[in-house]
Every structure is written in structure tokens, then in C-alpha cells.
Amino acid sequence: MHLRYLPTAEPGLRWMRDYYKRHPQLDIVAASAALATAERTIVNHPESAPRFEDFERVREYHIRGTHFALLYVATADQILIIDVRDTCGQRSVDRLRKFLADQATLFSEK
């Protein structure tokens, strides 16, 4: 099984990186290590995170020591990172709903 960041995750990943650059008192090295640990964990244990909101297939894995989380879907052979979410923000799930509706065949049960 491998992990792939979807284009929809780019803004969230960029936001996380920029957040740590703007706040030098925070440990960017520790945050990067925590992100790598989160990636390994969900590849090895895709069902370990709770479901996100009311989405059947989407899971949210909180990155330890940060206020960010990975929103992802596990398929038969890969983990698809949909977003890197700032859990302190009030981001709408409308974008996620639209993405899943547009990709319904990708996430359908086989």
C-alpha cells in the first residue's frame, strides 16, 4: 500500500508549512517528524483513525503535537490524502462533499 497526496491537499499542506515558518517559536522539525509518523501510521493501519464528520469513507488522523490533521480515504492499494486540515480553523466541509460526489466511482465499494 502506498500514500498519495491529491491536488486538493496542496493548499492545506502549504498552509501547514507556512504556519510553522511564520511562527519560529514552534518546532518545524518536530512537526515534520510528526507528519512523517502520521503518514506511516495510516499506511500501516488505515482504519486506525476515526471517520470524519458524517462521511462513510473519509477518516481524520490528527498529527500529534500539532493542530493539523490528515483527511484521507483508503482504497484497496493506496491511501489518498484529500486534505491537510487546520483543526483550529472553521473550514467548510462543502469542498470535501463536492470532491467525493465528483469522485463517487473512485470510492465506491467493489
Protein backbone atom coordinates (compact mmCIF):
# COMPACT_ATOMS: atom_id res chain seq x y z
CA MET A 1 0.00 0.00 0.00
CA HIS A 2 1.29 3.47 -0.78
CA LEU A 3 0.30 7.01 0.10
CA ARG A 4 -0.60 9.74 -2.38
CA TYR A 5 -1.42 13.38 -1.76
CA LEU A 6 -4.21 14.54 -4.06
CA PRO A 7 -4.12 18.04 -5.58
CA THR A 8 -6.86 19.04 -3.13
CA ALA A 9 -4.36 18.57 -0.26
CA GLU A 10 -1.85 21.07 -1.64
CA PRO A 11 -3.39 24.23 -0.10
CA GLY A 12 -3.60 22.62 3.34
CA LEU A 13 -0.04 21.28 3.17
CA ARG A 14 1.17 24.70 2.06
CA TRP A 15 -0.78 26.34 4.90
CA MET A 16 0.82 24.00 7.46
CA ARG A 17 4.32 24.68 6.15
CA ASP A 18 3.74 28.45 6.05
CA TYR A 19 2.21 28.41 9.53
CA TYR A 20 5.37 26.89 11.00
CA LYS A 21 7.59 29.27 9.05
CA ARG A 22 5.61 32.28 10.36
CA HIS A 23 5.85 31.04 13.95
CA PRO A 24 9.55 30.34 14.51
CA GLN A 25 8.91 29.60 18.20
CA LEU A 26 7.22 26.38 17.04
CA ASP A 27 9.35 23.36 16.24
CA ILE A 28 9.06 22.78 12.48
CA VAL A 29 11.41 19.78 12.71
CA ALA A 30 9.16 18.08 15.28
CA ALA A 31 6.06 18.90 13.20
CA SER A 32 7.69 17.41 10.09
CA ALA A 33 8.62 14.28 12.03
CA ALA A 34 5.05 14.03 13.37
CA LEU A 35 3.69 14.32 9.82
CA ALA A 36 6.00 11.51 8.66
CA THR A 37 4.87 9.37 11.61
CA ALA A 38 1.21 10.06 10.77
CA GLU A 39 1.82 9.04 7.14
CA ARG A 40 3.47 5.76 8.19
CA THR A 41 0.72 5.02 10.69
CA ILE A 42 -2.15 5.41 8.24
CA VAL A 43 -0.34 3.38 5.58
CA ASN A 44 0.21 0.55 8.08
CA HIS A 45 -3.15 0.93 9.86
CA PRO A 46 -5.62 2.66 7.50
CA GLU A 47 -8.61 2.07 9.78
CA SER A 48 -6.89 3.49 12.88
CA ALA A 49 -8.36 6.98 12.57
CA PRO A 50 -12.00 7.82 13.26
CA ARG A 51 -14.41 8.74 10.50
CA PHE A 52 -14.59 12.43 9.64
CA GLU A 53 -17.94 14.08 10.30
CA ASP A 54 -20.70 12.09 8.57
CA PHE A 55 -18.55 10.75 5.73
CA GLU A 56 -18.65 6.98 5.38
CA ARG A 57 -15.18 6.52 3.86
CA VAL A 58 -13.23 9.61 4.95
CA ARG A 59 -11.05 9.38 8.03
CA GLU A 60 -9.27 12.08 10.00
CA TYR A 61 -5.87 11.37 11.54
CA HIS A 62 -4.64 14.07 13.92
CA ILE A 63 -0.94 14.84 13.55
CA ARG A 64 0.46 14.51 17.06
CA GLY A 65 1.71 17.70 18.68
CA THR A 66 0.11 19.94 16.04
CA HIS A 67 -3.36 21.29 15.36
CA PHE A 68 -3.38 19.74 11.89
CA ALA A 69 -4.99 16.53 10.67
CA LEU A 70 -4.91 14.40 7.53
CA LEU A 71 -8.24 13.73 5.83
CA TYR A 72 -7.91 10.57 3.77
CA VAL A 73 -9.60 7.66 2.07
CA ALA A 74 -8.19 4.15 1.96
CA THR A 75 -8.65 2.18 -1.24
CA ALA A 76 -7.57 -1.40 -1.88
CA ASP A 77 -3.99 -0.39 -2.73
CA GLN A 78 -3.42 3.18 -1.60
CA ILE A 79 -4.12 5.93 0.90
CA LEU A 80 -5.40 9.11 -0.77
CA ILE A 81 -4.78 12.26 1.26
CA ILE A 82 -7.65 14.61 0.45
CA ASP A 83 -6.66 17.49 2.73
CA VAL A 84 -4.30 18.65 5.44
CA ARG A 85 -6.78 20.29 7.76
CA ASP A 86 -6.13 23.05 10.28
CA THR A 87 -8.34 21.81 13.10
CA CYS A 88 -8.38 25.24 14.77
CA GLY A 89 -9.91 26.80 11.67
CA GLN A 90 -13.56 26.73 10.70
CA ARG A 91 -13.08 25.24 7.25
CA SER A 92 -16.22 24.16 5.47
CA VAL A 93 -16.78 20.53 4.52
CA ASP A 94 -18.59 21.66 1.36
CA ARG A 95 -15.40 21.26 -0.69
CA LEU A 96 -14.95 17.74 0.63
CA ARG A 97 -18.56 16.86 -0.17
CA LYS A 98 -18.14 18.15 -3.73
CA PHE A 99 -14.88 16.24 -4.15
CA LEU A 100 -16.45 12.98 -3.00
CA ALA A 101 -19.50 13.48 -5.20
CA ASP A 102 -17.26 14.14 -8.21
CA GLN A 103 -15.19 11.05 -7.43
CA ALA A 104 -18.04 8.71 -6.45
CA THR A 105 -16.82 5.88 -8.65
CA LEU A 106 -13.33 6.03 -7.19
CA PHE A 107 -14.64 5.46 -3.67
CA SER A 108 -17.47 3.06 -4.42
CA GLU A 109 -17.35 -0.37 -2.83
CA LYS A 110 -16.07 -3.08 -5.14
